[in-house]
Protein backbone atom coordinates (compact mmCIF):
# COMPACT_ATOMS: atom_id res chain seq x y z
CA MET A 1 -72.74 77.65 33.09
CA ASN A 2 -69.90 77.56 30.54
CA ALA A 3 -68.99 74.63 28.30
CA ALA A 4 -65.90 73.63 30.32
CA THR A 5 -67.95 73.36 33.52
CA ILE A 6 -70.64 71.31 31.77
CA ALA A 7 -67.96 68.98 30.39
CA GLU A 8 -66.40 68.44 33.81
CA GLN A 9 -69.78 67.74 35.37
CA THR A 10 -70.57 65.23 32.62
CA LEU A 11 -67.26 63.45 33.23
CA GLN A 12 -68.11 63.31 36.93
CA ASN A 13 -71.69 62.12 36.53
CA HIS A 14 -71.55 59.88 33.47
CA ILE A 15 -68.05 58.38 33.78
CA ARG A 16 -66.56 58.75 37.27
CA ASN A 17 -69.77 58.07 39.24
CA ASN A 18 -71.01 55.42 36.81
CA SER A 19 -69.87 51.83 37.35
CA TYR A 20 -70.60 50.81 33.77
CA PRO A 21 -70.88 53.26 30.87
CA GLY A 22 -69.53 50.35 28.76
CA ARG A 23 -67.45 51.25 25.73
CA GLY A 24 -66.97 54.93 25.02
CA LEU A 25 -65.37 57.36 22.61
CA VAL A 26 -64.57 61.08 22.63
CA VAL A 27 -63.35 63.18 19.67
CA GLY A 28 -62.30 66.79 19.96
CA ARG A 29 -59.70 69.50 20.26
CA MET A 30 -56.58 69.21 22.37
CA ALA A 31 -56.01 71.93 24.97
CA ASN A 32 -53.12 73.38 22.93
CA GLY A 33 -55.70 74.56 20.39
CA ALA A 34 -53.88 72.98 17.43
CA ASP A 35 -53.95 69.20 17.71
CA TRP A 36 -56.93 66.85 17.93
CA LEU A 37 -57.54 63.86 20.19
CA ILE A 38 -59.52 60.64 19.92
CA VAL A 39 -60.29 58.78 23.14
CA TYR A 40 -61.58 55.21 23.16
CA PHE A 41 -62.13 52.95 26.17
CA ILE A 42 -63.54 49.50 26.76
CA MET A 43 -64.98 47.99 29.92
CA GLY A 44 -66.09 44.48 30.77
CA ARG A 45 -68.13 42.56 33.32
CA SER A 46 -67.61 39.03 32.00
CA ARG A 47 -64.43 36.98 31.76
CA ASN A 48 -64.69 37.04 27.96
CA SER A 49 -65.01 40.83 27.82
CA ARG A 50 -62.10 41.34 30.20
CA ASN A 51 -59.85 38.94 28.30
CA ARG A 52 -58.55 41.57 25.86
CA ARG A 53 -56.24 44.52 25.48
CA PHE A 54 -55.36 47.21 22.96
CA ALA A 55 -52.48 46.92 20.52
CA PHE A 56 -51.47 49.44 17.86
CA ASP A 57 -49.23 50.09 14.89
CA GLY A 58 -49.12 53.42 13.07
CA ASP A 59 -52.68 54.77 12.73
CA ARG A 60 -54.30 51.44 13.53
CA LEU A 61 -55.55 50.41 16.98
CA TRP A 62 -57.16 47.04 17.59
CA THR A 63 -58.30 44.71 20.33
CA GLU A 64 -56.65 41.34 20.88
CA PRO A 65 -57.13 38.55 23.44
CA VAL A 66 -54.85 38.37 26.43
CA ASP A 67 -55.32 34.59 26.59
CA PRO A 68 -56.41 33.27 23.15
CA ALA A 69 -57.29 29.88 24.64
CA ALA A 70 -59.87 31.49 26.93
CA VAL A 71 -61.80 33.36 24.21
CA GLU A 72 -65.43 32.25 24.22
CA ASP A 73 -66.79 34.36 21.34
CA PRO A 74 -64.52 36.76 19.43
CA SER A 75 -67.22 38.22 17.17
CA LEU A 76 -68.05 41.30 19.26
CA ILE A 77 -64.82 41.81 21.21
CA ILE A 78 -61.99 41.50 18.62
CA TYR A 79 -61.93 44.27 15.99
CA ASP A 80 -60.13 47.32 14.61
CA ALA A 81 -61.03 50.25 16.87
CA MET A 82 -59.13 53.09 15.12
CA LEU A 83 -58.18 53.44 11.45
CA GLU A 84 -57.20 56.21 9.01
CA ALA A 85 -58.88 56.48 5.60
CA GLY A 86 -57.73 59.15 3.18
CA GLY A 87 -57.28 62.00 5.64
CA ARG A 88 -60.12 60.86 7.90
CA GLN A 89 -59.50 59.43 11.35
CA LEU A 90 -62.02 56.78 12.43
CA VAL A 91 -62.97 55.19 15.74
CA SER A 92 -65.75 52.81 16.77
CA ASN A 93 -66.71 50.16 19.30
CA GLY A 94 -66.84 47.26 16.84
CA ASP A 95 -66.04 45.88 13.42
CA GLN A 96 -68.05 48.72 11.84
CA THR A 97 -64.72 50.62 11.91
CA ARG A 98 -63.67 48.43 9.00
CA THR A 99 -67.11 48.84 7.34
CA LEU A 100 -66.70 52.62 7.49
CA PHE A 101 -63.12 52.41 6.24
CA ASP A 102 -64.14 50.32 3.23
CA GLY A 103 -67.18 52.48 2.49
CA LEU A 104 -65.26 55.76 2.55
CA ARG A 105 -62.63 54.33 0.24
CA ALA A 106 -65.45 53.30 -2.13
CA GLY A 107 -66.73 56.88 -2.22
CA LEU A 108 -69.60 56.60 0.27
CA SER A 109 -70.41 59.23 2.87
CA PHE A 110 -70.13 58.61 6.63
CA SER A 111 -73.84 57.78 6.95
CA GLU A 112 -73.97 55.77 3.73
CA ALA A 113 -71.04 53.62 4.78
CA LEU A 114 -72.76 52.70 8.05
CA ALA A 115 -76.17 52.10 6.48
CA SER A 116 -75.51 48.39 6.09
CA ARG A 117 -74.94 47.86 9.83
CA GLU A 118 -77.36 47.25 12.71
CA ARG A 119 -77.17 47.42 16.51
CA GLU A 120 -75.19 44.53 17.97
CA PRO A 121 -77.08 41.21 18.07
CA ASP A 122 -76.38 40.55 21.76
CA ALA A 123 -79.95 40.18 23.07
CA PRO A 124 -81.29 41.28 25.51
CA ASN A 125 -78.79 44.19 25.65
CA PHE A 126 -78.71 45.00 21.92
CA THR A 127 -75.57 47.06 22.50
CA PRO A 128 -75.46 50.25 20.40
CA ARG A 129 -72.76 50.64 17.76
CA ILE A 130 -71.03 53.98 18.33
CA THR A 131 -68.77 55.49 15.69
CA ALA A 132 -66.97 58.80 15.11
CA MET A 133 -64.86 60.40 12.41
CA ILE A 134 -62.71 63.52 12.12
CA ASP A 135 -62.42 64.62 8.49
CA PHE A 136 -59.24 66.58 7.77
CA ASN A 137 -60.13 67.09 4.11
CA THR A 138 -61.88 70.28 5.23
CA PRO A 139 -60.08 73.51 6.21
CA GLU A 140 -60.99 73.33 9.90
CA GLY A 141 -61.56 69.60 10.34
CA ALA A 142 -65.09 68.23 10.79
CA ILE A 143 -66.57 65.83 13.33
CA SER A 144 -69.24 63.22 12.59
CA LEU A 145 -70.72 60.82 15.14
CA SER A 146 -73.16 57.95 14.76
CA ILE A 147 -75.13 55.70 17.05
CA LEU A 148 -77.02 52.64 15.82
CA LYS A 149 -79.30 51.32 18.54
CA ALA A 150 -82.32 49.09 18.97
CA SER A 151 -85.61 50.80 18.25
CA ARG A 152 -87.71 51.47 21.32
CA CYS A 153 -90.73 50.23 19.36
CA ASP A 154 -89.22 47.00 18.06
CA THR A 155 -85.78 45.73 19.09
CA ALA A 156 -85.54 43.85 15.78
CA LEU A 157 -85.14 47.26 14.12
CA THR A 158 -82.33 49.80 14.35
CA ASP A 159 -82.65 53.53 14.99
CA ARG A 160 -79.90 55.50 13.22
CA MET A 161 -78.69 58.84 14.55
CA THR A 162 -75.94 60.86 12.87
CA TYR A 163 -74.54 64.04 14.41
CA ARG A 164 -72.35 66.72 12.87
CA PRO A 165 -71.67 69.19 15.68
CA ALA A 166 -69.77 72.42 15.30
CA ASN A 167 -66.13 72.04 16.23
CA PRO A 168 -65.63 72.33 20.00
CA PRO A 169 -63.33 74.84 21.68
CA ALA A 170 -59.81 73.76 22.64
CA GLY A 171 -59.81 71.28 25.49
CA LEU A 172 -63.28 69.89 24.80
CA GLY A 173 -64.76 67.02 22.80
CA TYR A 174 -67.96 65.19 21.99
CA GLY A 175 -68.53 61.65 23.24
CA LEU A 176 -70.80 58.63 23.14
CA THR A 177 -70.95 55.56 25.37
CA THR A 178 -72.78 52.32 24.79
CA TYR A 179 -74.75 52.35 28.06
CA MET A 180 -76.23 54.80 30.51
CA GLY A 181 -75.09 52.60 33.41
CA ASP A 182 -75.15 49.08 34.81
CA GLY A 183 -78.26 46.92 34.73
CA ASN A 184 -79.81 43.73 33.43
CA PRO A 185 -80.47 44.23 30.61
CA LEU A 186 -77.99 47.06 30.19
CA PRO A 187 -79.70 50.39 29.45
CA GLY A 188 -78.53 51.68 26.06
CA PHE A 189 -77.24 55.21 25.62
CA THR A 190 -79.88 57.92 25.18
CA GLY A 191 -79.68 61.57 24.26
CA ASP A 192 -77.28 63.72 22.27
CA PRO A 193 -73.48 63.31 22.25
CA LEU A 194 -71.89 64.28 25.56
CA LEU A 195 -69.67 67.33 26.00
CA LEU A 196 -66.52 66.06 27.73
CA PRO A 197 -63.15 67.54 28.77
CA LEU A 198 -59.83 67.00 27.01
CA ALA A 199 -57.63 69.02 29.36
CA GLY A 200 -53.84 68.94 29.21
CA GLY A 201 -51.66 66.81 26.97
CA ALA A 202 -52.46 63.37 25.62
CA ARG A 203 -50.96 61.60 28.63
CA ASP A 204 -52.91 63.88 30.98
CA VAL A 205 -56.13 62.92 29.18
CA LEU A 206 -55.13 59.25 29.42
CA ASP A 207 -54.69 59.59 33.19
CA THR A 208 -57.94 61.55 33.61
CA TYR A 209 -60.12 58.99 31.87
CA TRP A 210 -58.35 55.91 33.24
CA ASN A 211 -58.74 57.20 36.79
CA ALA A 212 -62.40 58.12 36.12
CA LEU A 213 -63.35 54.64 34.88
CA ASN A 214 -64.60 52.12 37.43
CA GLU A 215 -61.54 50.20 38.64
CA GLU A 216 -63.29 46.84 38.67
CA ASN A 217 -64.73 47.10 35.15
CA ARG A 218 -62.16 49.10 33.16
CA VAL A 219 -60.22 47.06 30.60
CA SER A 220 -58.33 49.28 28.16
CA LEU A 221 -58.01 52.93 27.18
CA ALA A 222 -56.34 54.56 24.16
CA ILE A 223 -55.64 58.15 23.13
CA LYS A 224 -54.69 59.09 19.56
CA GLN A 225 -53.10 62.51 18.99
CA ILE A 226 -53.52 64.03 15.52
CA ASP A 227 -52.00 67.19 14.05
CA VAL A 228 -53.85 69.77 11.95
CA THR A 229 -53.02 67.91 8.73
CA GLY A 230 -54.72 64.75 9.98
CA ARG A 231 -51.47 62.90 10.68
CA CYS A 232 -51.34 60.68 13.74
CA THR A 233 -48.45 61.85 15.94
CA GLY A 234 -48.88 59.27 18.68
CA ILE A 235 -51.09 56.62 20.27
CA PHE A 236 -51.01 56.16 24.02
CA VAL A 237 -52.47 53.00 25.57
CA ARG A 238 -53.20 51.64 29.03
CA ASN A 239 -54.35 48.05 29.58
CA ARG A 240 -55.41 46.51 32.88
CA HIS A 241 -53.52 43.33 31.97
CA ASP A 242 -50.28 45.26 31.50
CA ASN A 243 -50.20 46.28 35.17
């Protein structure tokens, strides 16, 4: 079975046939073989989680409340989701995006910058923190991914996994989600980063993932397109509250 077939099957099984993979990110190569793409989506089951949307300006993408008066707890739902730091494009599912940004600018490595963070404190789910970076300060570009999740031995502790996969072929990317599916408590993500498709142009990828996400639980989806120099050439957003 080739990589493209595996990626399509993973999209089908882990995203399209899954009512709640939670928040998710994908980083990889655009189908044109030159540009790169970052995908980030958020889902929500509660009123507080669904009361948000994506906004962007330049390289920066963030979450904001749709109705500020209805926000119950902003600490885990309002944050910068995508930033650029010295030729490195960043994405994460929480305010660790800013932690990574500050750490890289201070001279820390990807793993060092995230060393101060833990899994989210939302017991009993202990949602994993998922983060990715594309570093364009290398000739070919380099992907790093991280997941910080509650230890299976003691949920007060955090297991830290960092991945540096070889660059994928055109039209494919590596992804992480916060959950394996719905449940109570929610089952945290397990296993290695997922191989996922990035077929077509940025808007095609936007349509593919938006249509794959559960209609009841999807909240927002963003695609960032990046050229070979690391420059953002466009951000494309879809919000349920914009419909």
